[in-house]
Amino acid sequence: RLCDYLDVSQPTLYRMFATQTGMGPLAYVHRARMDRARVLLTGDARSVKEVAHTLGYEHANDFSRAYKRFFGMNPSVTL
């Protein structure tokens, strides 16, 4: 959808993203979600389940796995 909106091909979008951010669009979005997750877990009195749903994860387990893969620790440790 983003390619259609910007009227560019996927390789062009990827190249533009990589030039500006050093990573592809999906990696950028994933990093932004994980950074936001860390802020929500450390700043607010929210549960892991609440943070998962805030970030658009349907299941808290999916969020927990993604968080652990990204940061190397469970999100509950961040609380």
N, C-alpha and C. Protein backbone atom coordinates (compact mmCIF):
# COMPACT_ATOMS: atom_id res chain seq x y z
N ARG A 1 0.81 -1.20 0.00
CA ARG A 1 0.00 0.00 0.00
C ARG A 1 0.86 1.27 0.00
N LEU A 2 1.94 1.22 0.74
CA LEU A 2 2.81 2.39 0.80
C LEU A 2 3.43 2.67 -0.57
N CYS A 3 3.81 1.61 -1.27
CA CYS A 3 4.37 1.79 -2.62
C CYS A 3 3.34 2.44 -3.54
N ASP A 4 2.09 1.99 -3.45
CA ASP A 4 1.04 2.58 -4.27
C ASP A 4 0.82 4.04 -3.90
N TYR A 5 0.82 4.33 -2.61
CA TYR A 5 0.61 5.69 -2.15
C TYR A 5 1.72 6.62 -2.65
N LEU A 6 2.95 6.14 -2.59
CA LEU A 6 4.10 6.95 -3.03
C LEU A 6 4.36 6.84 -4.52
N ASP A 7 3.66 5.91 -5.16
CA ASP A 7 3.82 5.66 -6.59
C ASP A 7 5.26 5.30 -6.94
N VAL A 8 5.81 4.34 -6.18
CA VAL A 8 7.14 3.82 -6.44
C VAL A 8 7.09 2.29 -6.36
N SER A 9 8.08 1.65 -6.94
CA SER A 9 8.15 0.19 -6.89
C SER A 9 8.68 -0.25 -5.52
N GLN A 10 8.52 -1.53 -5.21
CA GLN A 10 9.03 -2.04 -3.94
C GLN A 10 10.54 -1.90 -3.83
N PRO A 11 11.30 -2.25 -4.88
CA PRO A 11 12.75 -2.07 -4.75
C PRO A 11 13.15 -0.60 -4.53
N THR A 12 12.44 0.31 -5.17
CA THR A 12 12.74 1.73 -4.98
C THR A 12 12.44 2.16 -3.55
N LEU A 13 11.31 1.72 -3.02
CA LEU A 13 10.96 2.05 -1.64
C LEU A 13 12.00 1.49 -0.67
N TYR A 14 12.39 0.26 -0.90
CA TYR A 14 13.39 -0.35 -0.04
C TYR A 14 14.70 0.44 -0.09
N ARG A 15 15.12 0.79 -1.29
CA ARG A 15 16.37 1.55 -1.46
C ARG A 15 16.27 2.91 -0.77
N MET A 16 15.13 3.59 -0.91
CA MET A 16 14.94 4.90 -0.27
C MET A 16 15.02 4.75 1.25
N PHE A 17 14.36 3.74 1.78
CA PHE A 17 14.38 3.51 3.23
C PHE A 17 15.78 3.19 3.70
N ALA A 18 16.45 2.31 2.98
CA ALA A 18 17.79 1.90 3.38
C ALA A 18 18.76 3.08 3.35
N THR A 19 18.61 3.95 2.39
CA THR A 19 19.46 5.12 2.29
C THR A 19 19.26 6.05 3.49
N GLN A 20 18.02 6.25 3.88
CA GLN A 20 17.70 7.19 4.95
C GLN A 20 17.87 6.61 6.36
N THR A 21 17.56 5.30 6.52
CA THR A 21 17.53 4.73 7.86
C THR A 21 18.55 3.63 8.10
N GLY A 22 19.13 3.11 7.02
CA GLY A 22 20.07 2.00 7.17
C GLY A 22 19.40 0.66 7.30
N MET A 23 18.07 0.61 7.12
CA MET A 23 17.33 -0.66 7.21
C MET A 23 16.12 -0.60 6.29
N GLY A 24 15.54 -1.74 6.03
CA GLY A 24 14.35 -1.81 5.19
C GLY A 24 13.11 -1.35 5.94
N PRO A 25 12.00 -1.16 5.21
CA PRO A 25 10.76 -0.67 5.83
C PRO A 25 10.23 -1.56 6.94
N LEU A 26 10.23 -2.87 6.73
CA LEU A 26 9.70 -3.77 7.76
C LEU A 26 10.57 -3.76 9.00
N ALA A 27 11.88 -3.76 8.82
CA ALA A 27 12.79 -3.70 9.97
C ALA A 27 12.60 -2.40 10.73
N TYR A 28 12.38 -1.32 10.01
CA TYR A 28 12.16 -0.01 10.63
C TYR A 28 10.89 -0.02 11.48
N VAL A 29 9.82 -0.55 10.93
CA VAL A 29 8.54 -0.62 11.66
C VAL A 29 8.70 -1.52 12.89
N HIS A 30 9.36 -2.66 12.71
CA HIS A 30 9.56 -3.57 13.83
C HIS A 30 10.36 -2.90 14.94
N ARG A 31 11.43 -2.22 14.57
CA ARG A 31 12.26 -1.52 15.56
C ARG A 31 11.44 -0.44 16.29
N ALA A 32 10.65 0.30 15.54
CA ALA A 32 9.82 1.35 16.15
C ALA A 32 8.82 0.75 17.14
N ARG A 33 8.22 -0.38 16.78
CA ARG A 33 7.27 -1.04 17.69
C ARG A 33 7.97 -1.52 18.95
N MET A 34 9.15 -2.09 18.79
CA MET A 34 9.87 -2.60 19.96
C MET A 34 10.37 -1.47 20.84
N ASP A 35 10.81 -0.38 20.25
CA ASP A 35 11.22 0.79 21.04
C ASP A 35 10.04 1.35 21.82
N ARG A 36 8.90 1.42 21.16
CA ARG A 36 7.67 1.90 21.83
C ARG A 36 7.27 0.94 22.95
N ALA A 37 7.42 -0.36 22.72
CA ALA A 37 7.09 -1.36 23.73
C ALA A 37 7.94 -1.14 24.98
N ARG A 38 9.23 -0.92 24.77
CA ARG A 38 10.12 -0.72 25.92
C ARG A 38 9.71 0.52 26.72
N VAL A 39 9.35 1.59 26.00
CA VAL A 39 8.91 2.82 26.69
C VAL A 39 7.64 2.56 27.48
N LEU A 40 6.68 1.87 26.87
CA LEU A 40 5.42 1.59 27.55
C LEU A 40 5.62 0.68 28.76
N LEU A 41 6.50 -0.29 28.64
CA LEU A 41 6.72 -1.22 29.74
C LEU A 41 7.47 -0.58 30.90
N THR A 42 8.36 0.35 30.62
CA THR A 42 9.13 0.96 31.69
C THR A 42 8.47 2.22 32.26
N GLY A 43 7.68 2.92 31.46
CA GLY A 43 7.12 4.19 31.90
C GLY A 43 5.74 4.10 32.50
N ASP A 44 4.92 3.25 31.96
CA ASP A 44 3.54 3.15 32.42
C ASP A 44 3.38 1.92 33.31
N ALA A 45 2.33 1.93 34.07
CA ALA A 45 2.01 0.77 34.89
C ALA A 45 1.10 -0.16 34.08
N ARG A 46 1.59 -0.58 32.92
CA ARG A 46 0.80 -1.45 32.05
C ARG A 46 1.35 -2.86 32.10
N SER A 47 0.45 -3.80 31.91
CA SER A 47 0.87 -5.20 31.84
C SER A 47 1.41 -5.50 30.46
N VAL A 48 2.08 -6.64 30.34
CA VAL A 48 2.60 -7.08 29.05
C VAL A 48 1.44 -7.24 28.07
N LYS A 49 0.35 -7.77 28.54
CA LYS A 49 -0.83 -7.99 27.69
C LYS A 49 -1.39 -6.66 27.17
N GLU A 50 -1.45 -5.65 28.03
CA GLU A 50 -1.94 -4.34 27.61
C GLU A 50 -1.02 -3.71 26.57
N VAL A 51 0.28 -3.83 26.78
CA VAL A 51 1.24 -3.27 25.82
C VAL A 51 1.12 -4.00 24.48
N ALA A 52 0.99 -5.30 24.53
CA ALA A 52 0.84 -6.10 23.30
C ALA A 52 -0.36 -5.62 22.50
N HIS A 53 -1.47 -5.43 23.15
CA HIS A 53 -2.67 -4.98 22.45
C HIS A 53 -2.56 -3.53 21.98
N THR A 54 -1.90 -2.69 22.74
CA THR A 54 -1.67 -1.31 22.33
C THR A 54 -0.86 -1.25 21.04
N LEU A 55 0.09 -2.16 20.90
CA LEU A 55 0.96 -2.18 19.73
C LEU A 55 0.37 -2.97 18.56
N GLY A 56 -0.83 -3.50 18.74
CA GLY A 56 -1.50 -4.17 17.63
C GLY A 56 -1.32 -5.67 17.56
N TYR A 57 -0.74 -6.26 18.57
CA TYR A 57 -0.60 -7.72 18.60
C TYR A 57 -1.92 -8.31 19.07
N GLU A 58 -2.38 -9.32 18.37
CA GLU A 58 -3.63 -9.98 18.75
C GLU A 58 -3.44 -10.86 19.99
N HIS A 59 -2.26 -11.46 20.07
CA HIS A 59 -1.95 -12.35 21.18
C HIS A 59 -0.69 -11.87 21.90
N ALA A 60 -0.76 -11.83 23.21
CA ALA A 60 0.37 -11.38 24.01
C ALA A 60 1.58 -12.30 23.83
N ASN A 61 1.36 -13.58 23.57
CA ASN A 61 2.48 -14.50 23.36
C ASN A 61 3.28 -14.13 22.12
N ASP A 62 2.61 -13.70 21.06
CA ASP A 62 3.31 -13.27 19.85
C ASP A 62 4.20 -12.06 20.16
N PHE A 63 3.65 -11.14 20.91
CA PHE A 63 4.43 -9.96 21.32
C PHE A 63 5.62 -10.36 22.16
N SER A 64 5.41 -11.24 23.13
CA SER A 64 6.50 -11.66 24.02
C SER A 64 7.63 -12.32 23.24
N ARG A 65 7.29 -13.16 22.26
CA ARG A 65 8.31 -13.81 21.44
C ARG A 65 9.09 -12.77 20.63
N ALA A 66 8.37 -11.83 20.02
CA ALA A 66 9.03 -10.79 19.21
C ALA A 66 9.93 -9.93 20.09
N TYR A 67 9.47 -9.57 21.27
CA TYR A 67 10.25 -8.75 22.19
C TYR A 67 11.52 -9.48 22.62
N LYS A 68 11.38 -10.75 22.95
CA LYS A 68 12.54 -11.53 23.38
C LYS A 68 13.55 -11.69 22.25
N ARG A 69 13.07 -11.91 21.03
CA ARG A 69 13.97 -12.01 19.89
C ARG A 69 14.73 -10.70 19.67
N PHE A 70 14.04 -9.59 19.86
CA PHE A 70 14.64 -8.28 19.59
C PHE A 70 15.60 -7.85 20.69
N PHE A 71 15.18 -7.97 21.96
CA PHE A 71 15.97 -7.47 23.08
C PHE A 71 16.76 -8.54 23.83
N GLY A 72 16.43 -9.82 23.57
CA GLY A 72 17.13 -10.90 24.27
C GLY A 72 16.65 -11.15 25.68
N MET A 73 15.50 -10.60 26.03
CA MET A 73 14.91 -10.83 27.35
C MET A 73 13.39 -10.76 27.24
N ASN A 74 12.73 -11.37 28.18
CA ASN A 74 11.27 -11.33 28.20
C ASN A 74 10.79 -9.96 28.57
N PRO A 75 9.63 -9.55 28.03
CA PRO A 75 9.13 -8.22 28.38
C PRO A 75 8.81 -8.07 29.86
N SER A 76 8.47 -9.16 30.53
CA SER A 76 8.16 -9.06 31.96
C SER A 76 9.38 -8.67 32.78
N VAL A 77 10.58 -8.94 32.28
CA VAL A 77 11.81 -8.54 32.96
C VAL A 77 11.97 -7.02 32.92
N THR A 78 11.47 -6.40 31.85
CA THR A 78 11.57 -4.96 31.69
C THR A 78 10.71 -4.21 32.69
N LEU A 79 9.62 -4.86 33.12
CA LEU A 79 8.74 -4.20 34.09
C LEU A 79 9.53 -3.95 35.33
